[in-house]
Amino acid sequence: MPLPSVLVDPNRYRFHAAWAFPVPPDTLYACLEVPEDYPSWWPQVREVRRTGIDAGTLRVHSFLPYELAFAVHGGRRDPVARTLEIAMTGDLEGWARWTVLPHGRTGSQARFEQDVEVRKPLMRRLAIPARPLFVANHAWMMRGGRRGLRARLEAGGDRI
């Protein structure tokens, strides 16, 4: 039987989320594919700066008193499959992916997956005792993103 990943590497995190919205999948995908707009609807995404065609930097800050900064490099961007994937380096190293799927008759679901290793020294030192707090901090951030995206879509923010 394999060991839980926290026992193998306490600095590695795998996150999953699924958000349902009452908008067509293409509408949701169009909103998610513009990372520069994330700070306008996702309170914990403090800054997104483009540094190249498929590259940029992000700063995020959730509930706990620390900020994460990392560079992102575009991976897969597939409007037909409605998949967006990035690689990250910096305070977080790994990848994140959005996949937008039909949901119900006319709605859609954004599936978020992330597999990262924390590189920020303070978080690495506190990896084992603070892990539950780090996981809760991520959950807080994701709730803020879901609420913000819902509000943006309801306000007509889907017309980019």
N, C-alpha and C. Protein backbone atom coordinates (compact mmCIF):
# COMPACT_ATOMS: atom_id res chain seq x y z
N MET A 1 0.85 -1.17 0.00
CA MET A 1 0.00 0.00 0.00
C MET A 1 0.90 1.24 0.00
N PRO A 2 0.67 2.21 -0.92
CA PRO A 2 1.51 3.40 -0.98
C PRO A 2 1.27 4.31 0.23
N LEU A 3 2.31 5.00 0.63
CA LEU A 3 2.20 5.95 1.73
C LEU A 3 1.49 7.22 1.27
N PRO A 4 0.72 7.87 2.16
CA PRO A 4 0.13 9.16 1.79
C PRO A 4 1.23 10.14 1.39
N SER A 5 0.94 11.01 0.42
CA SER A 5 1.97 11.91 -0.10
C SER A 5 2.56 12.81 0.98
N VAL A 6 1.81 13.17 2.01
CA VAL A 6 2.34 14.02 3.07
C VAL A 6 3.48 13.32 3.81
N LEU A 7 3.44 11.99 3.89
CA LEU A 7 4.51 11.27 4.56
C LEU A 7 5.75 11.17 3.68
N VAL A 8 5.54 11.17 2.38
CA VAL A 8 6.65 11.10 1.45
C VAL A 8 7.32 12.47 1.32
N ASP A 9 6.53 13.51 1.11
CA ASP A 9 7.04 14.87 0.98
C ASP A 9 6.03 15.85 1.57
N PRO A 10 6.27 16.34 2.77
CA PRO A 10 5.30 17.24 3.41
C PRO A 10 5.18 18.60 2.72
N ASN A 11 6.04 18.88 1.75
CA ASN A 11 5.97 20.14 1.03
C ASN A 11 5.20 20.03 -0.29
N ARG A 12 4.65 18.88 -0.56
CA ARG A 12 3.90 18.68 -1.79
C ARG A 12 2.41 18.71 -1.50
N TYR A 13 1.68 19.40 -2.38
CA TYR A 13 0.24 19.55 -2.23
C TYR A 13 -0.45 19.22 -3.54
N ARG A 14 -1.57 18.52 -3.42
CA ARG A 14 -2.43 18.25 -4.58
C ARG A 14 -3.82 18.74 -4.21
N PHE A 15 -4.33 19.64 -5.03
CA PHE A 15 -5.65 20.22 -4.76
C PHE A 15 -6.58 19.95 -5.94
N HIS A 16 -7.86 19.82 -5.62
CA HIS A 16 -8.91 19.62 -6.62
C HIS A 16 -10.11 20.45 -6.20
N ALA A 17 -10.78 21.02 -7.16
CA ALA A 17 -12.03 21.75 -6.90
C ALA A 17 -12.91 21.64 -8.12
N ALA A 18 -14.22 21.73 -7.92
CA ALA A 18 -15.17 21.73 -9.03
C ALA A 18 -16.21 22.80 -8.72
N TRP A 19 -16.31 23.78 -9.60
CA TRP A 19 -17.24 24.89 -9.44
C TRP A 19 -18.28 24.84 -10.55
N ALA A 20 -19.56 24.83 -10.21
CA ALA A 20 -20.64 24.83 -11.20
C ALA A 20 -21.19 26.24 -11.36
N PHE A 21 -21.49 26.61 -12.60
CA PHE A 21 -22.02 27.93 -12.91
C PHE A 21 -23.14 27.80 -13.94
N PRO A 22 -24.13 28.70 -13.89
CA PRO A 22 -25.25 28.64 -14.84
C PRO A 22 -24.95 29.40 -16.14
N VAL A 23 -23.79 29.15 -16.71
CA VAL A 23 -23.41 29.76 -18.00
C VAL A 23 -22.88 28.66 -18.91
N PRO A 24 -22.94 28.88 -20.22
CA PRO A 24 -22.41 27.87 -21.14
C PRO A 24 -20.90 27.66 -20.95
N PRO A 25 -20.41 26.46 -21.24
CA PRO A 25 -18.98 26.16 -21.08
C PRO A 25 -18.06 27.14 -21.82
N ASP A 26 -18.41 27.53 -23.03
CA ASP A 26 -17.53 28.46 -23.77
C ASP A 26 -17.44 29.81 -23.08
N THR A 27 -18.53 30.24 -22.45
CA THR A 27 -18.53 31.51 -21.72
C THR A 27 -17.58 31.43 -20.53
N LEU A 28 -17.67 30.34 -19.79
CA LEU A 28 -16.80 30.16 -18.62
C LEU A 28 -15.34 30.06 -19.04
N TYR A 29 -15.08 29.30 -20.09
CA TYR A 29 -13.70 29.16 -20.58
C TYR A 29 -13.14 30.52 -20.99
N ALA A 30 -13.94 31.32 -21.68
CA ALA A 30 -13.48 32.65 -22.11
C ALA A 30 -13.08 33.52 -20.93
N CYS A 31 -13.78 33.40 -19.84
CA CYS A 31 -13.45 34.17 -18.64
C CYS A 31 -12.16 33.66 -17.99
N LEU A 32 -12.01 32.35 -17.91
CA LEU A 32 -10.83 31.77 -17.27
C LEU A 32 -9.56 31.94 -18.09
N GLU A 33 -9.67 32.12 -19.40
CA GLU A 33 -8.47 32.19 -20.22
C GLU A 33 -7.82 33.57 -20.24
N VAL A 34 -8.33 34.52 -19.44
CA VAL A 34 -7.75 35.86 -19.37
C VAL A 34 -7.19 36.08 -17.96
N PRO A 35 -5.97 35.59 -17.70
CA PRO A 35 -5.43 35.66 -16.34
C PRO A 35 -5.25 37.09 -15.83
N GLU A 36 -5.03 38.04 -16.72
CA GLU A 36 -4.86 39.43 -16.26
C GLU A 36 -6.12 39.96 -15.58
N ASP A 37 -7.28 39.35 -15.85
CA ASP A 37 -8.52 39.77 -15.21
C ASP A 37 -8.76 39.12 -13.85
N TYR A 38 -8.00 38.10 -13.51
CA TYR A 38 -8.24 37.38 -12.25
C TYR A 38 -8.29 38.31 -11.04
N PRO A 39 -7.37 39.27 -10.89
CA PRO A 39 -7.45 40.13 -9.70
C PRO A 39 -8.76 40.92 -9.59
N SER A 40 -9.46 41.14 -10.70
CA SER A 40 -10.72 41.89 -10.64
C SER A 40 -11.86 41.07 -10.05
N TRP A 41 -11.75 39.75 -10.08
CA TRP A 41 -12.82 38.93 -9.52
C TRP A 41 -12.35 37.96 -8.43
N TRP A 42 -11.04 37.72 -8.31
CA TRP A 42 -10.53 36.78 -7.32
C TRP A 42 -9.72 37.57 -6.29
N PRO A 43 -10.31 37.87 -5.13
CA PRO A 43 -9.67 38.76 -4.16
C PRO A 43 -8.27 38.34 -3.71
N GLN A 44 -8.01 37.05 -3.67
CA GLN A 44 -6.71 36.58 -3.19
C GLN A 44 -5.63 36.61 -4.27
N VAL A 45 -6.00 36.80 -5.51
CA VAL A 45 -5.01 36.97 -6.59
C VAL A 45 -4.72 38.46 -6.64
N ARG A 46 -3.60 38.85 -6.07
CA ARG A 46 -3.28 40.27 -5.89
C ARG A 46 -2.72 40.92 -7.15
N GLU A 47 -1.96 40.14 -7.93
CA GLU A 47 -1.35 40.74 -9.12
C GLU A 47 -1.05 39.66 -10.14
N VAL A 48 -1.35 39.97 -11.40
CA VAL A 48 -0.96 39.13 -12.53
C VAL A 48 -0.29 40.07 -13.51
N ARG A 49 0.92 39.71 -13.89
CA ARG A 49 1.66 40.55 -14.83
C ARG A 49 2.19 39.67 -15.96
N ARG A 50 1.86 40.05 -17.18
CA ARG A 50 2.33 39.29 -18.35
C ARG A 50 3.78 39.69 -18.61
N THR A 51 4.63 38.67 -18.83
CA THR A 51 6.04 38.92 -19.15
C THR A 51 6.41 38.38 -20.52
N GLY A 52 5.48 37.74 -21.18
CA GLY A 52 5.70 37.18 -22.51
C GLY A 52 4.38 36.68 -23.06
N ILE A 53 4.41 36.09 -24.23
CA ILE A 53 3.18 35.61 -24.87
C ILE A 53 2.45 34.61 -23.97
N ASP A 54 3.16 33.63 -23.48
CA ASP A 54 2.58 32.60 -22.61
C ASP A 54 3.29 32.55 -21.26
N ALA A 55 3.67 33.71 -20.74
CA ALA A 55 4.40 33.74 -19.47
C ALA A 55 3.99 34.96 -18.66
N GLY A 56 4.15 34.85 -17.35
CA GLY A 56 3.82 35.96 -16.48
C GLY A 56 4.24 35.68 -15.06
N THR A 57 3.86 36.60 -14.18
CA THR A 57 4.11 36.43 -12.75
C THR A 57 2.79 36.63 -12.01
N LEU A 58 2.66 35.95 -10.88
CA LEU A 58 1.48 36.06 -10.03
C LEU A 58 1.92 36.29 -8.60
N ARG A 59 1.11 37.08 -7.91
CA ARG A 59 1.23 37.23 -6.46
C ARG A 59 -0.13 36.90 -5.87
N VAL A 60 -0.14 35.99 -4.88
CA VAL A 60 -1.39 35.63 -4.21
C VAL A 60 -1.21 35.75 -2.70
N HIS A 61 -2.30 36.08 -2.04
CA HIS A 61 -2.30 36.21 -0.58
C HIS A 61 -3.69 35.84 -0.11
N SER A 62 -3.78 34.83 0.71
CA SER A 62 -5.07 34.39 1.23
C SER A 62 -5.23 34.87 2.66
N PHE A 63 -5.71 34.01 3.55
CA PHE A 63 -6.01 34.41 4.93
C PHE A 63 -4.76 34.53 5.81
N LEU A 64 -3.83 33.59 5.70
CA LEU A 64 -2.63 33.60 6.54
C LEU A 64 -1.70 34.75 6.14
N PRO A 65 -0.87 35.22 7.06
CA PRO A 65 -0.03 36.41 6.78
C PRO A 65 1.25 36.12 5.99
N TYR A 66 1.09 35.58 4.81
CA TYR A 66 2.23 35.42 3.90
C TYR A 66 1.71 35.52 2.48
N GLU A 67 2.61 35.87 1.59
CA GLU A 67 2.28 35.99 0.18
C GLU A 67 3.11 34.98 -0.60
N LEU A 68 2.55 34.48 -1.68
CA LEU A 68 3.29 33.60 -2.58
C LEU A 68 3.46 34.32 -3.91
N ALA A 69 4.67 34.25 -4.44
CA ALA A 69 4.96 34.84 -5.75
C ALA A 69 5.58 33.76 -6.61
N PHE A 70 5.13 33.70 -7.86
CA PHE A 70 5.68 32.68 -8.74
C PHE A 70 5.53 33.11 -10.19
N ALA A 71 6.38 32.54 -11.00
CA ALA A 71 6.31 32.74 -12.44
C ALA A 71 5.44 31.64 -13.02
N VAL A 72 4.70 31.97 -14.06
CA VAL A 72 3.87 30.98 -14.75
C VAL A 72 4.28 30.93 -16.21
N HIS A 73 4.23 29.75 -16.73
CA HIS A 73 4.55 29.51 -18.13
C HIS A 73 3.42 28.69 -18.71
N GLY A 74 2.86 29.16 -19.82
CA GLY A 74 1.74 28.48 -20.44
C GLY A 74 2.11 27.08 -20.87
N GLY A 75 1.25 26.19 -20.61
CA GLY A 75 1.39 24.82 -21.08
C GLY A 75 0.35 24.59 -22.14
N ARG A 76 -0.68 23.91 -21.78
CA ARG A 76 -1.75 23.59 -22.72
C ARG A 76 -2.82 24.68 -22.69
N ARG A 77 -3.20 25.14 -23.85
CA ARG A 77 -4.31 26.09 -24.01
C ARG A 77 -5.15 25.57 -25.16
N ASP A 78 -6.22 24.86 -24.82
CA ASP A 78 -7.00 24.15 -25.83
C ASP A 78 -8.47 24.57 -25.74
N PRO A 79 -8.90 25.54 -26.57
CA PRO A 79 -10.29 25.99 -26.51
C PRO A 79 -11.30 24.92 -26.92
N VAL A 80 -10.90 23.94 -27.73
CA VAL A 80 -11.82 22.88 -28.13
C VAL A 80 -12.10 21.97 -26.93
N ALA A 81 -11.06 21.55 -26.24
CA ALA A 81 -11.22 20.72 -25.03
C ALA A 81 -11.51 21.57 -23.80
N ARG A 82 -11.43 22.91 -23.98
CA ARG A 82 -11.63 23.88 -22.88
C ARG A 82 -10.72 23.57 -21.71
N THR A 83 -9.43 23.44 -22.00
CA THR A 83 -8.43 23.14 -20.99
C THR A 83 -7.35 24.21 -21.01
N LEU A 84 -6.99 24.68 -19.82
CA LEU A 84 -5.91 25.65 -19.63
C LEU A 84 -4.95 25.06 -18.61
N GLU A 85 -3.67 25.03 -18.94
CA GLU A 85 -2.69 24.46 -18.00
C GLU A 85 -1.46 25.36 -17.96
N ILE A 86 -0.92 25.52 -16.76
CA ILE A 86 0.30 26.32 -16.59
C ILE A 86 1.32 25.55 -15.76
N ALA A 87 2.58 25.91 -15.95
CA ALA A 87 3.66 25.44 -15.08
C ALA A 87 4.05 26.61 -14.19
N MET A 88 4.44 26.33 -12.96
CA MET A 88 4.79 27.38 -12.00
C MET A 88 6.19 27.14 -11.44
N THR A 89 6.92 28.25 -11.24
CA THR A 89 8.22 28.21 -10.57
C THR A 89 8.29 29.40 -9.63
N GLY A 90 9.00 29.24 -8.55
CA GLY A 90 9.11 30.30 -7.54
C GLY A 90 8.73 29.75 -6.19
N ASP A 91 7.87 30.48 -5.46
CA ASP A 91 7.43 29.99 -4.15
C ASP A 91 6.66 28.68 -4.27
N LEU A 92 6.04 28.46 -5.42
CA LEU A 92 5.39 27.19 -5.75
C LEU A 92 6.00 26.67 -7.03
N GLU A 93 6.26 25.37 -7.08
CA GLU A 93 6.75 24.74 -8.31
C GLU A 93 5.86 23.56 -8.62
N GLY A 94 5.38 23.54 -9.84
CA GLY A 94 4.49 22.46 -10.26
C GLY A 94 3.59 22.92 -11.37
N TRP A 95 2.34 22.52 -11.32
CA TRP A 95 1.40 22.86 -12.39
C TRP A 95 0.00 23.05 -11.83
N ALA A 96 -0.81 23.75 -12.63
CA ALA A 96 -2.24 23.92 -12.33
C ALA A 96 -3.00 23.82 -13.64
N ARG A 97 -4.25 23.34 -13.54
CA ARG A 97 -5.06 23.13 -14.74
C ARG A 97 -6.52 23.46 -14.46
N TRP A 98 -7.13 24.18 -15.40
CA TRP A 98 -8.58 24.35 -15.45
C TRP A 98 -9.10 23.48 -16.60
N THR A 99 -10.19 22.77 -16.37
CA THR A 99 -10.90 22.06 -17.41
C THR A 99 -12.36 22.45 -17.27
N VAL A 100 -12.95 22.98 -18.34
CA VAL A 100 -14.35 23.41 -18.32
C VAL A 100 -15.19 22.37 -19.04
N LEU A 101 -16.23 21.91 -18.36
CA LEU A 101 -17.11 20.86 -18.89
C LEU A 101 -18.56 21.31 -18.85
N PRO A 102 -19.39 20.75 -19.72
CA PRO A 102 -20.83 21.01 -19.60
C PRO A 102 -21.34 20.48 -18.26
N HIS A 103 -22.34 21.15 -17.73
CA HIS A 103 -22.92 20.73 -16.44
C HIS A 103 -24.42 20.99 -16.49
N GLY A 104 -25.20 19.95 -16.36
CA GLY A 104 -26.64 20.11 -16.47
C GLY A 104 -27.02 20.44 -17.91
N ARG A 105 -28.17 21.04 -18.08
CA ARG A 105 -28.65 21.36 -19.43
C ARG A 105 -27.90 22.51 -20.09
N THR A 106 -27.70 23.59 -19.33
CA THR A 106 -27.12 24.79 -19.96
C THR A 106 -25.93 25.34 -19.19
N GLY A 107 -25.54 24.70 -18.13
CA GLY A 107 -24.48 25.23 -17.30
C GLY A 107 -23.12 24.64 -17.62
N SER A 108 -22.17 24.97 -16.76
CA SER A 108 -20.82 24.46 -16.94
C SER A 108 -20.17 24.24 -15.58
N GLN A 109 -19.09 23.50 -15.62
CA GLN A 109 -18.33 23.23 -14.41
C GLN A 109 -16.86 23.50 -14.70
N ALA A 110 -16.23 24.26 -13.82
CA ALA A 110 -14.79 24.49 -13.91
C ALA A 110 -14.12 23.52 -12.94
N ARG A 111 -13.31 22.64 -13.47
CA ARG A 111 -12.55 21.72 -12.62
C ARG A 111 -11.14 22.25 -12.50
N PHE A 112 -10.69 22.40 -11.26
CA PHE A 112 -9.36 22.91 -10.98
C PHE A 112 -8.54 21.78 -10.38
N GLU A 113 -7.32 21.62 -10.89
CA GLU A 113 -6.38 20.64 -10.35
C GLU A 113 -5.04 21.34 -10.18
N GLN A 114 -4.36 21.02 -9.11
CA GLN A 114 -3.04 21.62 -8.87
C GLN A 114 -2.16 20.60 -8.17
N ASP A 115 -0.92 20.53 -8.61
CA ASP A 115 0.08 19.65 -8.00
C ASP A 115 1.35 20.48 -7.87
N VAL A 116 1.68 20.86 -6.64
CA VAL A 116 2.81 21.77 -6.43
C VAL A 116 3.66 21.34 -5.25
N GLU A 117 4.90 21.81 -5.30
CA GLU A 117 5.81 21.70 -4.16
C GLU A 117 6.07 23.12 -3.68
N VAL A 118 5.95 23.31 -2.38
CA VAL A 118 6.20 24.63 -1.80
C VAL A 118 7.71 24.83 -1.71
N ARG A 119 8.18 25.97 -2.20
CA ARG A 119 9.60 26.33 -2.15
C ARG A 119 9.87 27.48 -1.18
N LYS A 120 8.84 28.17 -0.74
CA LYS A 120 9.00 29.30 0.19
C LYS A 120 9.62 28.78 1.49
N PRO A 121 10.79 29.33 1.88
CA PRO A 121 11.51 28.78 3.05
C PRO A 121 10.69 28.69 4.33
N LEU A 122 9.94 29.71 4.68
CA LEU A 122 9.16 29.67 5.92
C LEU A 122 8.15 28.52 5.89
N MET A 123 7.47 28.36 4.77
CA MET A 123 6.48 27.29 4.67
C MET A 123 7.14 25.91 4.71
N ARG A 124 8.33 25.81 4.17
CA ARG A 124 9.04 24.53 4.21
C ARG A 124 9.43 24.18 5.65
N ARG A 125 9.87 25.20 6.41
CA ARG A 125 10.24 24.95 7.82
C ARG A 125 9.03 24.52 8.65
N LEU A 126 7.86 25.04 8.29
CA LEU A 126 6.64 24.74 9.05
C LEU A 126 5.79 23.65 8.40
N ALA A 127 6.37 22.93 7.46
CA ALA A 127 5.62 21.99 6.62
C ALA A 127 4.74 21.02 7.41
N ILE A 128 5.27 20.41 8.42
CA ILE A 128 4.48 19.40 9.12
C ILE A 128 3.51 20.02 10.13
N PRO A 129 3.96 20.88 11.05
CA PRO A 129 2.99 21.38 12.02
C PRO A 129 1.92 22.31 11.43
N ALA A 130 2.25 23.04 10.39
CA ALA A 130 1.30 24.02 9.84
C ALA A 130 0.53 23.52 8.62
N ARG A 131 0.77 22.30 8.20
CA ARG A 131 0.10 21.80 6.99
C ARG A 131 -1.42 21.98 7.03
N PRO A 132 -2.10 21.64 8.14
CA PRO A 132 -3.56 21.85 8.15
C PRO A 132 -3.95 23.31 7.93
N LEU A 133 -3.15 24.22 8.45
CA LEU A 133 -3.42 25.66 8.22
C LEU A 133 -3.20 26.03 6.76
N PHE A 134 -2.15 25.49 6.15
CA PHE A 134 -1.88 25.78 4.74
C PHE A 134 -3.01 25.26 3.85
N VAL A 135 -3.50 24.08 4.17
CA VAL A 135 -4.61 23.50 3.39
C VAL A 135 -5.87 24.35 3.58
N ALA A 136 -6.14 24.77 4.81
CA ALA A 136 -7.30 25.64 5.07
C ALA A 136 -7.14 26.98 4.36
N ASN A 137 -5.93 27.51 4.33
CA ASN A 137 -5.66 28.78 3.65
C ASN A 137 -5.97 28.66 2.16
N HIS A 138 -5.59 27.53 1.56
CA HIS A 138 -5.89 27.30 0.15
C HIS A 138 -7.40 27.19 -0.06
N ALA A 139 -8.09 26.50 0.83
CA ALA A 139 -9.55 26.37 0.71
C ALA A 139 -10.22 27.74 0.78
N TRP A 140 -9.73 28.60 1.67
CA TRP A 140 -10.26 29.97 1.80
C TRP A 140 -10.07 30.71 0.47
N MET A 141 -8.90 30.57 -0.12
CA MET A 141 -8.62 31.23 -1.39
C MET A 141 -9.56 30.72 -2.48
N MET A 142 -9.76 29.42 -2.54
CA MET A 142 -10.62 28.85 -3.57
C MET A 142 -12.08 29.30 -3.39
N ARG A 143 -12.54 29.40 -2.15
CA ARG A 143 -13.91 29.89 -1.92
C ARG A 143 -14.04 31.32 -2.42
N GLY A 144 -13.02 32.14 -2.16
CA GLY A 144 -13.04 33.52 -2.66
C GLY A 144 -13.08 33.57 -4.17
N GLY A 145 -12.33 32.69 -4.83
CA GLY A 145 -12.33 32.65 -6.28
C GLY A 145 -13.68 32.23 -6.85
N ARG A 146 -14.26 31.22 -6.24
CA ARG A 146 -15.57 30.75 -6.72
C ARG A 146 -16.62 31.84 -6.57
N ARG A 147 -16.66 32.48 -5.41
CA ARG A 147 -17.64 33.57 -5.19
C ARG A 147 -17.41 34.73 -6.16
N GLY A 148 -16.14 35.11 -6.33
CA GLY A 148 -15.83 36.22 -7.22
C GLY A 148 -16.16 35.93 -8.67
N LEU A 149 -15.87 34.71 -9.11
CA LEU A 149 -16.17 34.36 -10.49
C LEU A 149 -17.68 34.30 -10.71
N ARG A 150 -18.40 33.77 -9.75
CA ARG A 150 -19.86 33.74 -9.86
C ARG A 150 -20.41 35.16 -9.99
N ALA A 151 -19.95 36.07 -9.15
CA ALA A 151 -20.41 37.46 -9.20
C ALA A 151 -20.06 38.09 -10.54
N ARG A 152 -18.87 37.83 -11.03
CA ARG A 152 -18.47 38.39 -12.33
C ARG A 152 -19.37 37.88 -13.45
N LEU A 153 -19.63 36.59 -13.46
CA LEU A 153 -20.48 36.02 -14.50
C LEU A 153 -21.91 36.54 -14.41
N GLU A 154 -22.43 36.67 -13.17
CA GLU A 154 -23.79 37.18 -12.99
C GLU A 154 -23.92 38.63 -13.41
N ALA A 155 -22.80 39.40 -13.29
CA ALA A 155 -22.82 40.82 -13.66
C ALA A 155 -22.58 41.02 -15.16
N GLY A 156 -22.46 39.91 -15.89
CA GLY A 156 -22.23 40.02 -17.33
C GLY A 156 -20.76 40.09 -17.67
N GLY A 157 -19.88 39.69 -16.75
CA GLY A 157 -18.45 39.70 -16.99
C GLY A 157 -18.01 38.64 -17.96
N ASP A 158 -18.97 37.88 -18.50
CA ASP A 158 -18.64 36.86 -19.47
C ASP A 158 -18.44 37.47 -20.86
N ARG A 159 -18.79 38.73 -21.03
CA ARG A 159 -18.62 39.38 -22.34
C ARG A 159 -17.29 40.11 -22.34
N ILE A 160 -16.25 39.40 -22.66
CA ILE A 160 -14.89 39.93 -22.60
C ILE A 160 -14.53 40.55 -23.92
